[in-house]
Amino acid sequence: MGQRHARSGDAHLSATELVALVCCDLGSIVRGRSLPTAQLGARLQAGVGWVPANMSITPLGEVAEDTPFGSTGDLRLLPDAETQVRVEARSGESALEFVLCDIVETD
């Protein structure tokens, strides 16, 4: 359970379960931020930071040219607790857990 971390040439699993706060961008690609599951309750009201430029990343990972979205400004991914999904994995593997979010302005 947890996430893989490379250390001194070998891999180990931490005990930290993660939940992804996700949204779909303009190209219908699911993107988001992950945080420890234990912090989800504290993030339901405030969400997590999101940069407008994240909306213009192409499927190949580059920022699209001539985009109206830049790296300035501040948005938040605000989780909708009713959309939380957890899919249990096989023994010894991390579950898939995510919450769909709204993209909101900070003002």
Foldseek 3Di string as FASTA:
>chain_A
DADWDDDPNDIDHDPFAKEWAWEAAPVRDIDTDIDGPVCVVVCQVPAAKDAQQVNQQDPVGHGDPPDPGDRDFIKGFHFDVVQWDWADDPPPDHIHIYTYTDIGHPD
